N, C-alpha and C. Protein backbone atom coordinates (compact mmCIF):
# COMPACT_ATOMS: atom_id res chain seq x y z
N UNK A 1 260.04 66.78 84.42
CA UNK A 1 258.75 67.00 85.19
C UNK A 1 257.58 66.40 84.36
N UNK A 2 256.69 65.76 85.06
CA UNK A 2 255.50 65.23 84.43
C UNK A 2 254.65 66.39 83.78
N UNK A 3 254.51 66.19 82.42
CA UNK A 3 253.89 67.14 81.48
C UNK A 3 252.48 67.41 81.98
N UNK A 4 251.77 66.42 82.32
CA UNK A 4 250.38 66.68 82.78
C UNK A 4 250.33 67.41 84.05
N UNK A 5 251.22 67.18 84.95
CA UNK A 5 251.35 67.94 86.18
C UNK A 5 251.59 69.43 85.91
N UNK A 6 252.58 69.70 84.99
CA UNK A 6 252.86 70.95 84.69
C UNK A 6 251.81 71.76 84.08
N UNK A 7 250.99 71.07 83.29
CA UNK A 7 249.84 71.89 82.56
C UNK A 7 248.81 72.33 83.56
N UNK A 8 248.52 71.20 84.55
CA UNK A 8 247.57 71.51 85.55
C UNK A 8 247.84 72.52 86.52
N UNK A 9 249.20 72.58 86.86
CA UNK A 9 249.76 73.56 87.77
C UNK A 9 249.73 74.95 87.11
N UNK A 10 250.15 75.00 85.92
CA UNK A 10 250.07 76.39 85.25
C UNK A 10 248.66 76.88 85.22
N UNK A 11 247.62 76.22 84.86
CA UNK A 11 246.22 76.59 84.74
C UNK A 11 245.78 77.04 86.14
N UNK A 12 246.11 76.31 87.14
CA UNK A 12 245.50 76.62 88.50
C UNK A 12 246.31 77.83 89.03
N UNK A 13 247.61 77.99 88.79
CA UNK A 13 248.41 79.10 89.29
C UNK A 13 247.78 80.39 88.62
N UNK A 14 247.48 80.26 87.36
CA UNK A 14 246.94 81.44 86.68
C UNK A 14 245.64 81.93 87.33
N UNK A 15 244.76 80.86 87.50
CA UNK A 15 243.54 81.22 88.29
C UNK A 15 243.79 81.87 89.68
N UNK A 16 244.80 81.41 90.37
CA UNK A 16 245.05 81.86 91.74
C UNK A 16 245.62 83.34 91.60
N UNK A 17 246.48 83.57 90.61
CA UNK A 17 247.04 84.84 90.51
C UNK A 17 246.15 85.93 90.15
N UNK A 18 245.00 85.43 89.55
CA UNK A 18 243.80 86.40 88.99
C UNK A 18 242.79 86.75 90.13
N UNK A 19 243.01 86.15 91.33
CA UNK A 19 242.06 86.43 92.44
C UNK A 19 242.31 87.83 92.95
N UNK A 20 241.38 88.55 93.37
CA UNK A 20 241.46 89.83 93.94
C UNK A 20 241.99 89.72 95.34
N UNK A 21 242.63 90.79 95.86
CA UNK A 21 243.17 90.88 97.21
C UNK A 21 242.03 90.60 98.21
N UNK A 22 240.93 91.22 97.83
CA UNK A 22 239.76 91.02 98.88
C UNK A 22 239.36 89.56 99.00
N UNK A 23 239.25 88.88 97.81
CA UNK A 23 238.91 87.33 97.85
C UNK A 23 239.85 86.60 98.54
N UNK A 24 241.22 86.82 98.25
CA UNK A 24 242.33 86.17 99.15
C UNK A 24 242.24 86.36 100.55
N UNK A 25 241.81 87.55 101.03
CA UNK A 25 241.68 87.96 102.36
C UNK A 25 240.53 87.19 103.10
N UNK A 26 239.39 87.21 102.36
CA UNK A 26 238.15 86.66 102.80
C UNK A 26 238.35 85.06 102.98
N UNK A 27 239.12 84.52 102.10
CA UNK A 27 239.24 83.07 102.06
C UNK A 27 240.27 82.72 103.22
N UNK A 28 241.25 83.57 103.37
CA UNK A 28 242.22 83.31 104.51
C UNK A 28 241.54 83.34 105.88
N UNK A 29 240.67 84.37 106.09
CA UNK A 29 239.98 84.48 107.33
C UNK A 29 239.06 83.22 107.49
N UNK A 30 238.37 82.75 106.50
CA UNK A 30 237.57 81.51 106.60
C UNK A 30 238.33 80.27 107.02
N UNK A 31 239.41 80.08 106.29
CA UNK A 31 240.30 78.94 106.54
C UNK A 31 240.82 78.98 107.98
N UNK A 32 241.33 80.20 108.46
CA UNK A 32 241.77 80.46 109.68
C UNK A 32 240.76 79.94 110.82
N UNK A 33 239.67 80.50 110.60
CA UNK A 33 238.47 80.16 111.62
C UNK A 33 238.25 78.64 111.76
N UNK A 34 238.28 78.04 110.56
CA UNK A 34 238.12 76.56 110.61
C UNK A 34 239.20 75.87 111.38
N UNK A 35 240.43 76.40 111.07
CA UNK A 35 241.62 75.76 111.62
C UNK A 35 241.64 75.87 113.05
N UNK A 36 241.10 76.88 113.73
CA UNK A 36 241.28 77.12 115.13
C UNK A 36 240.31 76.16 115.86
N UNK A 37 239.39 75.51 115.12
CA UNK A 37 238.51 74.58 115.79
C UNK A 37 238.81 73.13 115.31
N UNK A 38 239.88 73.03 114.62
CA UNK A 38 240.33 71.65 114.08
C UNK A 38 241.12 70.84 114.97
N UNK A 39 240.62 69.66 115.56
CA UNK A 39 241.38 68.98 116.77
C UNK A 39 242.86 68.76 116.41
N UNK A 40 243.25 68.30 115.32
CA UNK A 40 244.82 68.11 115.13
C UNK A 40 245.60 69.39 115.35
N UNK A 41 244.96 70.48 114.97
CA UNK A 41 245.57 71.83 115.16
C UNK A 41 245.66 72.20 116.60
N UNK A 42 244.42 72.26 117.24
CA UNK A 42 244.32 72.65 118.64
C UNK A 42 245.20 71.88 119.58
N UNK A 43 245.42 70.49 119.21
CA UNK A 43 246.24 69.65 120.32
C UNK A 43 247.69 69.67 119.81
N UNK A 44 248.14 70.18 118.79
CA UNK A 44 249.41 70.09 118.35
C UNK A 44 250.32 71.04 119.29
N UNK A 45 251.53 70.60 119.63
CA UNK A 45 252.56 71.22 120.22
C UNK A 45 253.48 72.07 119.36
N UNK A 46 253.40 71.58 118.08
CA UNK A 46 254.28 72.12 117.10
C UNK A 46 253.46 72.38 115.80
N UNK A 47 253.75 73.52 115.15
CA UNK A 47 253.05 73.85 113.94
C UNK A 47 254.11 74.17 112.86
N UNK A 48 254.01 73.39 111.82
CA UNK A 48 254.81 73.55 110.51
C UNK A 48 254.05 74.49 109.58
N UNK A 49 254.52 75.55 109.04
CA UNK A 49 253.68 76.44 108.27
C UNK A 49 254.45 76.99 107.25
N UNK A 50 254.02 77.98 106.53
CA UNK A 50 254.79 78.58 105.32
C UNK A 50 254.41 80.04 105.24
N UNK A 51 255.18 80.81 104.45
CA UNK A 51 254.93 82.11 104.22
C UNK A 51 254.25 82.18 102.83
N UNK A 52 253.07 82.66 102.72
CA UNK A 52 252.23 82.62 101.63
C UNK A 52 252.94 83.39 100.38
N UNK A 53 252.71 82.91 99.21
CA UNK A 53 253.38 83.44 98.01
C UNK A 53 252.31 83.25 96.85
N UNK A 54 252.29 84.23 95.95
CA UNK A 54 251.51 84.22 94.74
C UNK A 54 249.98 83.93 95.05
N UNK A 55 249.39 84.62 96.04
CA UNK A 55 248.03 84.53 96.25
C UNK A 55 247.61 83.07 96.98
N UNK A 56 248.67 82.33 97.55
CA UNK A 56 248.40 81.16 98.31
C UNK A 56 247.41 81.69 99.52
N UNK A 57 246.74 80.62 100.07
CA UNK A 57 245.97 80.88 101.20
C UNK A 57 246.88 81.55 102.19
N UNK A 58 246.56 82.78 102.78
CA UNK A 58 247.39 83.56 103.67
C UNK A 58 247.61 82.85 105.03
N UNK A 59 248.72 83.10 105.43
CA UNK A 59 249.10 82.51 106.77
C UNK A 59 249.64 83.48 107.83
N UNK A 60 249.69 84.79 107.53
CA UNK A 60 250.30 85.58 108.48
C UNK A 60 249.48 85.62 109.75
N UNK A 61 248.16 85.63 110.00
CA UNK A 61 247.48 85.52 111.15
C UNK A 61 247.69 84.16 111.78
N UNK A 62 247.89 82.95 111.06
CA UNK A 62 248.21 81.75 111.52
C UNK A 62 249.53 81.64 112.25
N UNK A 63 250.42 82.28 111.75
CA UNK A 63 251.70 82.39 112.19
C UNK A 63 251.76 83.13 113.63
N UNK A 64 251.06 84.26 113.57
CA UNK A 64 250.91 84.94 114.86
C UNK A 64 250.23 84.12 115.97
N UNK A 65 249.12 83.57 115.49
CA UNK A 65 248.38 82.85 116.51
C UNK A 65 249.17 81.61 117.08
N UNK A 66 249.80 80.96 116.24
CA UNK A 66 250.67 79.72 116.70
C UNK A 66 251.75 80.17 117.68
N UNK A 67 252.39 81.27 117.28
CA UNK A 67 253.50 81.79 118.22
C UNK A 67 252.86 82.31 119.58
N UNK A 68 251.83 83.07 119.51
CA UNK A 68 251.22 83.55 120.81
C UNK A 68 250.63 82.57 121.65
N UNK A 69 250.30 81.37 121.06
CA UNK A 69 249.73 80.28 121.82
C UNK A 69 250.72 79.39 122.52
N UNK A 70 252.03 79.78 122.41
CA UNK A 70 253.02 78.94 123.02
C UNK A 70 253.53 77.71 122.27
N UNK A 71 252.85 77.49 121.07
CA UNK A 71 253.46 76.38 120.39
C UNK A 71 254.74 76.69 119.70
N UNK A 72 255.54 75.63 119.42
CA UNK A 72 256.66 75.83 118.49
C UNK A 72 256.29 75.95 117.08
N UNK A 73 256.92 76.93 116.48
CA UNK A 73 256.48 77.38 115.12
C UNK A 73 257.69 77.00 114.20
N UNK A 74 257.44 76.27 113.07
CA UNK A 74 258.68 75.94 112.15
C UNK A 74 258.24 76.41 110.76
N UNK A 75 259.19 76.91 110.07
CA UNK A 75 259.12 77.16 108.78
C UNK A 75 260.16 76.39 107.96
N UNK A 76 259.84 76.11 106.67
CA UNK A 76 260.81 75.27 105.84
C UNK A 76 261.89 76.22 105.36
N UNK A 77 262.98 75.48 105.22
CA UNK A 77 264.24 76.14 104.59
C UNK A 77 264.74 75.18 103.44
N UNK A 78 264.87 75.85 102.27
CA UNK A 78 265.15 74.97 101.07
C UNK A 78 266.73 74.44 100.98
N UNK A 79 267.72 75.35 101.45
CA UNK A 79 269.04 74.94 101.39
C UNK A 79 269.83 75.35 102.69
N UNK A 80 270.33 74.34 103.40
CA UNK A 80 269.98 72.87 103.26
C UNK A 80 268.57 72.65 103.62
N UNK A 81 267.86 71.71 103.15
CA UNK A 81 266.50 71.41 103.34
C UNK A 81 266.24 70.98 104.73
N UNK A 82 265.19 71.57 105.35
CA UNK A 82 264.92 71.29 106.74
C UNK A 82 263.85 72.19 107.29
N UNK A 83 263.63 71.99 108.60
CA UNK A 83 262.60 72.95 109.22
C UNK A 83 263.34 73.65 110.31
N UNK A 84 263.10 74.99 110.28
CA UNK A 84 263.75 75.86 111.35
C UNK A 84 262.68 76.48 112.25
N UNK A 85 263.01 76.45 113.61
CA UNK A 85 262.18 77.09 114.59
C UNK A 85 262.26 78.55 114.27
N UNK A 86 260.99 79.17 114.28
CA UNK A 86 260.95 80.75 113.84
C UNK A 86 259.90 81.43 114.60
N UNK A 87 259.86 82.63 114.83
CA UNK A 87 258.95 83.50 115.42
C UNK A 87 258.66 84.66 114.50
N UNK A 88 257.48 85.17 114.53
CA UNK A 88 257.08 86.33 113.74
C UNK A 88 258.03 87.53 114.03
N UNK A 89 258.55 88.25 113.12
CA UNK A 89 259.49 89.33 113.39
C UNK A 89 260.92 89.01 113.04
N UNK A 90 261.28 87.57 113.26
CA UNK A 90 262.55 87.21 112.98
C UNK A 90 262.94 87.34 111.41
N UNK A 91 264.13 87.53 111.18
CA UNK A 91 264.58 87.80 109.65
C UNK A 91 264.34 86.56 108.85
N UNK A 92 263.82 87.06 107.51
CA UNK A 92 263.45 86.15 106.40
C UNK A 92 264.40 86.44 105.30
N UNK A 93 264.65 85.43 104.40
CA UNK A 93 265.32 85.77 103.24
C UNK A 93 264.57 85.11 102.17
N UNK A 94 264.88 85.45 100.80
CA UNK A 94 264.12 84.94 99.63
C UNK A 94 264.87 83.55 99.22
N UNK A 95 264.08 82.48 99.30
CA UNK A 95 264.75 81.20 98.90
C UNK A 95 264.21 80.79 97.55
N UNK A 96 264.26 79.43 97.24
CA UNK A 96 264.05 79.03 96.05
C UNK A 96 262.63 79.35 95.59
N UNK A 97 262.52 79.64 94.25
CA UNK A 97 261.06 80.05 93.82
C UNK A 97 260.60 81.24 94.30
N UNK A 98 261.47 82.15 94.96
CA UNK A 98 260.97 83.53 95.37
C UNK A 98 260.24 83.42 96.66
N UNK A 99 260.19 82.16 97.41
CA UNK A 99 259.41 82.06 98.61
C UNK A 99 260.30 82.42 99.81
N UNK A 100 259.76 83.23 100.77
CA UNK A 100 260.47 83.61 101.94
C UNK A 100 260.69 82.42 102.88
N UNK A 101 261.77 82.41 103.52
CA UNK A 101 262.20 81.40 104.39
C UNK A 101 263.07 81.96 105.58
N UNK A 102 263.33 81.20 106.75
CA UNK A 102 264.14 81.85 107.63
C UNK A 102 265.54 82.11 107.22
N UNK A 103 266.02 83.26 107.69
CA UNK A 103 267.40 83.73 107.23
C UNK A 103 268.52 83.02 108.13
N UNK A 104 268.03 82.57 109.20
CA UNK A 104 269.07 81.93 110.15
C UNK A 104 268.44 80.90 110.99
N UNK A 105 269.28 80.13 111.63
CA UNK A 105 268.69 79.04 112.51
C UNK A 105 269.15 77.63 111.97
N UNK A 106 269.11 76.60 112.91
CA UNK A 106 269.64 75.31 112.59
C UNK A 106 268.27 74.45 112.47
N UNK A 107 268.29 73.55 111.45
CA UNK A 107 267.28 72.72 111.22
C UNK A 107 267.01 71.77 112.26
N UNK A 108 265.89 71.48 112.69
CA UNK A 108 265.41 70.61 113.83
C UNK A 108 264.21 69.98 113.58
N UNK A 109 264.05 68.83 114.22
CA UNK A 109 262.68 68.03 114.10
C UNK A 109 261.75 68.61 114.99
N UNK A 110 260.51 68.82 114.66
CA UNK A 110 259.32 69.41 115.57
C UNK A 110 259.06 68.30 116.66
N UNK A 111 258.63 68.84 117.73
CA UNK A 111 258.04 67.90 118.84
C UNK A 111 256.71 67.39 118.39
N UNK A 112 256.42 66.33 118.89
CA UNK A 112 255.02 65.77 118.56
C UNK A 112 254.07 65.96 119.80
N UNK A 113 252.79 65.90 119.45
CA UNK A 113 252.11 65.99 118.22
C UNK A 113 252.33 67.30 117.40
N UNK A 114 252.39 67.08 116.10
CA UNK A 114 252.64 68.23 115.19
C UNK A 114 251.75 68.21 114.09
N UNK A 115 251.45 69.39 113.61
CA UNK A 115 250.51 69.54 112.41
C UNK A 115 251.36 70.32 111.36
N UNK A 116 251.35 69.92 110.10
CA UNK A 116 252.07 70.73 108.96
C UNK A 116 250.90 71.23 108.09
N UNK A 117 251.04 72.56 107.98
CA UNK A 117 250.04 73.24 106.92
C UNK A 117 250.84 73.57 105.70
N UNK A 118 250.34 72.99 104.64
CA UNK A 118 251.02 72.96 103.46
C UNK A 118 250.38 73.83 102.38
N UNK A 119 251.22 74.59 101.50
CA UNK A 119 250.74 75.39 100.46
C UNK A 119 250.14 74.32 99.31
N UNK A 120 249.14 74.78 98.60
CA UNK A 120 248.50 73.83 97.54
C UNK A 120 248.21 74.68 96.31
N UNK A 121 248.49 73.96 95.18
CA UNK A 121 248.20 74.50 93.88
C UNK A 121 246.93 73.74 93.43
N UNK A 122 246.89 72.43 93.67
CA UNK A 122 245.71 71.50 93.32
C UNK A 122 245.65 70.39 94.39
N UNK A 123 244.40 69.98 94.55
CA UNK A 123 244.23 68.91 95.48
C UNK A 123 243.07 67.95 95.02
N UNK A 124 243.08 66.82 95.62
CA UNK A 124 241.97 65.86 95.27
C UNK A 124 241.51 65.16 96.48
N UNK A 125 240.26 64.52 96.50
CA UNK A 125 239.71 63.88 97.71
C UNK A 125 240.55 62.79 98.28
N UNK A 126 241.26 62.06 97.56
CA UNK A 126 242.15 60.93 97.96
C UNK A 126 243.35 61.33 98.79
N UNK A 127 243.70 62.73 98.67
CA UNK A 127 244.87 63.24 99.36
C UNK A 127 245.88 63.74 98.35
N UNK A 128 245.75 63.54 97.10
CA UNK A 128 246.80 63.95 96.20
C UNK A 128 246.89 65.47 96.33
N UNK A 129 248.19 65.89 96.25
CA UNK A 129 248.49 67.26 96.21
C UNK A 129 249.45 67.68 95.24
N UNK A 130 249.08 68.86 94.52
CA UNK A 130 249.99 69.48 93.57
C UNK A 130 250.53 70.75 94.21
N UNK A 131 251.86 70.69 94.34
CA UNK A 131 252.44 71.84 95.06
C UNK A 131 253.02 72.81 94.16
N UNK A 132 254.05 73.48 94.69
CA UNK A 132 254.72 74.71 94.05
C UNK A 132 255.65 74.07 92.81
N UNK A 133 256.05 72.81 92.94
CA UNK A 133 256.70 72.28 91.67
C UNK A 133 258.10 71.88 91.87
N UNK A 134 258.74 72.27 93.15
CA UNK A 134 259.97 71.89 93.39
C UNK A 134 260.37 70.52 94.14
N UNK A 135 259.34 69.87 94.55
CA UNK A 135 259.43 68.60 95.26
C UNK A 135 259.96 68.86 96.68
N UNK A 136 259.95 70.05 97.13
CA UNK A 136 260.53 70.19 98.43
C UNK A 136 259.92 69.52 99.57
N UNK A 137 258.44 69.43 99.56
CA UNK A 137 257.74 68.80 100.57
C UNK A 137 257.91 67.35 100.51
N UNK A 138 257.94 66.90 99.31
CA UNK A 138 258.12 65.36 99.04
C UNK A 138 259.45 64.92 99.77
N UNK A 139 260.54 65.63 99.57
CA UNK A 139 261.83 65.43 100.20
C UNK A 139 261.83 65.54 101.64
N UNK A 140 261.15 66.60 102.17
CA UNK A 140 261.16 66.89 103.56
C UNK A 140 260.45 65.83 104.28
N UNK A 141 259.24 65.41 103.80
CA UNK A 141 258.42 64.38 104.51
C UNK A 141 258.95 63.02 104.47
N UNK A 142 259.80 62.83 103.45
CA UNK A 142 260.40 61.47 103.33
C UNK A 142 261.34 61.19 104.62
N UNK A 143 261.76 62.32 105.08
CA UNK A 143 262.66 62.28 106.33
C UNK A 143 261.99 62.37 107.77
N UNK A 144 260.66 62.75 107.68
CA UNK A 144 260.01 63.02 108.91
C UNK A 144 259.01 61.96 109.16
N UNK A 145 258.60 61.84 110.43
CA UNK A 145 257.65 60.81 110.93
C UNK A 145 256.40 60.95 110.31
N UNK A 146 255.68 59.88 110.04
CA UNK A 146 254.37 59.87 109.65
C UNK A 146 253.35 60.39 110.54
N UNK A 147 253.70 60.58 111.86
CA UNK A 147 252.96 61.00 112.87
C UNK A 147 252.56 62.54 112.77
N UNK A 148 253.13 63.16 111.86
CA UNK A 148 252.90 64.55 111.73
C UNK A 148 251.59 64.68 110.69
N UNK A 149 250.52 65.36 111.19
CA UNK A 149 249.33 65.45 110.29
C UNK A 149 249.64 66.52 109.29
N UNK A 150 249.36 66.17 108.08
CA UNK A 150 249.55 66.95 106.86
C UNK A 150 248.24 67.47 106.51
N UNK A 151 248.12 68.89 106.49
CA UNK A 151 246.98 69.54 106.17
C UNK A 151 247.16 70.56 104.99
N UNK A 152 246.61 70.47 103.85
CA UNK A 152 246.73 71.35 102.87
C UNK A 152 245.68 72.51 102.97
N UNK A 153 246.17 73.76 102.88
CA UNK A 153 245.38 75.10 102.93
C UNK A 153 245.07 75.38 101.54
N UNK A 154 243.76 75.39 101.13
CA UNK A 154 243.43 75.42 99.67
C UNK A 154 242.21 76.23 99.39
N UNK A 155 241.99 76.57 98.15
CA UNK A 155 240.65 77.26 97.74
C UNK A 155 239.97 75.93 97.08
N UNK A 156 238.53 76.28 97.18
CA UNK A 156 237.66 75.22 96.68
C UNK A 156 237.93 75.05 95.16
N UNK A 157 238.24 76.13 94.43
CA UNK A 157 238.39 75.89 92.96
C UNK A 157 239.52 75.14 92.64
N UNK A 158 240.41 74.86 93.66
CA UNK A 158 241.63 74.07 93.36
C UNK A 158 241.40 72.55 93.36
N UNK A 159 240.21 72.19 93.68
CA UNK A 159 239.96 70.70 93.82
C UNK A 159 239.92 70.09 92.34
N UNK A 160 240.44 69.02 92.16
CA UNK A 160 240.60 68.24 90.91
C UNK A 160 240.05 66.92 91.12
N UNK A 161 239.27 66.49 90.09
CA UNK A 161 238.77 64.97 90.30
C UNK A 161 239.87 63.96 90.41
N UNK A 162 241.01 64.24 89.75
CA UNK A 162 242.16 63.35 89.86
C UNK A 162 243.47 63.98 89.41
N UNK A 163 244.39 63.63 90.23
CA UNK A 163 245.77 64.42 89.94
C UNK A 163 246.71 63.23 89.60
N UNK A 164 247.64 63.57 88.56
CA UNK A 164 248.72 62.53 88.26
C UNK A 164 249.66 62.35 89.49
N UNK A 165 249.95 61.20 89.80
CA UNK A 165 250.94 60.97 91.01
C UNK A 165 252.17 60.17 90.58
N UNK A 166 253.16 60.71 91.18
CA UNK A 166 254.44 60.03 91.13
C UNK A 166 254.73 59.12 92.48
N UNK A 167 255.46 58.06 92.36
CA UNK A 167 255.66 57.29 93.60
C UNK A 167 256.19 57.96 94.81
N UNK A 168 256.87 59.12 94.62
CA UNK A 168 257.42 59.83 95.66
C UNK A 168 256.65 61.03 96.24
N UNK A 169 255.37 61.17 95.67
CA UNK A 169 254.51 62.31 96.12
C UNK A 169 253.99 61.97 97.39
N UNK A 170 254.00 63.02 98.37
CA UNK A 170 253.28 62.72 99.76
C UNK A 170 251.81 63.11 99.53
N UNK A 171 251.15 62.44 100.45
CA UNK A 171 249.73 62.68 100.40
C UNK A 171 249.31 63.57 101.54
N UNK A 172 248.09 64.10 101.46
CA UNK A 172 247.52 64.96 102.43
C UNK A 172 246.63 64.20 103.34
N UNK A 173 246.60 64.48 104.72
CA UNK A 173 245.55 63.87 105.53
C UNK A 173 244.27 64.53 105.50
N UNK A 174 244.43 65.89 105.32
CA UNK A 174 243.16 66.79 105.30
C UNK A 174 243.52 67.88 104.38
N UNK A 175 242.31 68.41 103.88
CA UNK A 175 242.45 69.82 103.17
C UNK A 175 241.33 70.72 103.86
N UNK A 176 241.90 71.92 104.15
CA UNK A 176 240.91 72.88 104.67
C UNK A 176 240.68 74.02 103.57
N UNK A 177 239.50 74.27 103.15
CA UNK A 177 239.22 75.32 102.21
C UNK A 177 238.29 76.29 102.86
N UNK A 178 237.84 77.33 102.21
CA UNK A 178 236.90 78.36 102.70
C UNK A 178 235.58 77.85 103.12
N UNK A 179 235.30 76.64 102.73
CA UNK A 179 233.96 75.97 102.87
C UNK A 179 233.94 74.85 103.86
N UNK A 180 234.99 74.15 103.91
CA UNK A 180 234.89 72.77 104.51
C UNK A 180 236.25 72.26 104.94
N UNK A 181 236.23 71.17 105.78
CA UNK A 181 237.32 70.39 106.18
C UNK A 181 237.20 69.11 105.51
N UNK A 182 238.07 68.60 104.71
CA UNK A 182 237.96 67.32 103.84
C UNK A 182 239.04 66.40 104.64
N UNK A 183 238.52 65.31 105.03
CA UNK A 183 239.46 64.13 105.54
C UNK A 183 239.82 63.39 104.28
N UNK A 184 241.03 63.31 103.97
CA UNK A 184 241.57 62.63 102.68
C UNK A 184 241.83 61.14 102.80
N UNK A 185 242.08 60.70 104.05
CA UNK A 185 242.43 59.37 104.25
C UNK A 185 241.31 58.47 104.73
N UNK A 186 241.20 57.19 104.32
CA UNK A 186 240.07 56.42 104.69
C UNK A 186 238.85 56.72 104.02
N UNK A 187 237.77 56.31 104.58
CA UNK A 187 236.45 56.55 103.95
C UNK A 187 235.35 56.93 105.02
N UNK A 188 235.80 57.91 105.72
CA UNK A 188 234.94 58.39 106.86
C UNK A 188 233.72 59.06 106.13
N UNK A 189 232.43 58.91 106.67
CA UNK A 189 231.30 59.58 106.16
C UNK A 189 231.28 60.96 106.47
N UNK A 190 230.49 61.80 105.67
CA UNK A 190 230.33 63.06 105.83
C UNK A 190 229.49 63.33 107.23
N UNK A 191 229.86 64.33 108.02
CA UNK A 191 229.04 64.54 109.22
C UNK A 191 229.31 66.11 109.63
N UNK A 192 228.41 66.66 110.32
CA UNK A 192 228.51 67.90 110.83
C UNK A 192 229.12 67.91 112.29
N UNK A 193 230.13 68.71 112.56
CA UNK A 193 230.61 68.84 113.81
C UNK A 193 231.16 70.21 114.18
N UNK A 194 230.55 70.81 115.12
CA UNK A 194 230.95 72.09 115.53
C UNK A 194 230.73 73.21 114.41
N UNK A 195 229.63 72.89 113.53
CA UNK A 195 229.46 73.77 112.48
C UNK A 195 230.15 73.56 111.28
N UNK A 196 231.23 72.52 111.33
CA UNK A 196 232.09 72.39 110.14
C UNK A 196 231.60 71.09 109.37
N UNK A 197 231.90 71.09 108.12
CA UNK A 197 231.53 69.90 107.43
C UNK A 197 232.73 69.07 107.20
N UNK A 198 232.73 67.87 107.82
CA UNK A 198 233.91 66.89 107.72
C UNK A 198 233.50 65.80 106.78
N UNK A 199 234.40 65.58 105.88
CA UNK A 199 234.00 64.64 104.92
C UNK A 199 235.07 63.53 104.84
């Protein structure tokens, strides 16, 4: 494992673990509200999400909303690696790294257009993402179409000026924090749209 990545990941995870439950809840609501007005999300027929772990940006409300809206909801499964269609209330099991994942179901590809909401430990404006450390999403997205919009759900404090990158690291298309939506690809100018700051 890249030593620099490991050091950055450890520092940021310690900061995240120290957050109060109230802070995590407030950030989760703010990110959720922005996502509900985010065009790639509102037009998606499939949503790839995750079960939050270790004070990651919470997703419980997002999972409920996606399922109630009639979209197909997918969660990642580590062994065998893939995406499993899931609905809130269906059984979960503890997978790699202590993260909850579907206990049953067959891996399948999501219908398009799709948006993937990814957990973040660190992020940068160019789309670099530091994840949980197992390389799961790098392997997963190497097998999926590039047409799936990749969105990191993150805290503002997790922004890094620059992150070490390996050739196999996937990039984010957008990052949504409690304060803004950041466009990571291209060099689109900052603008206000619907009360949100787009960068």
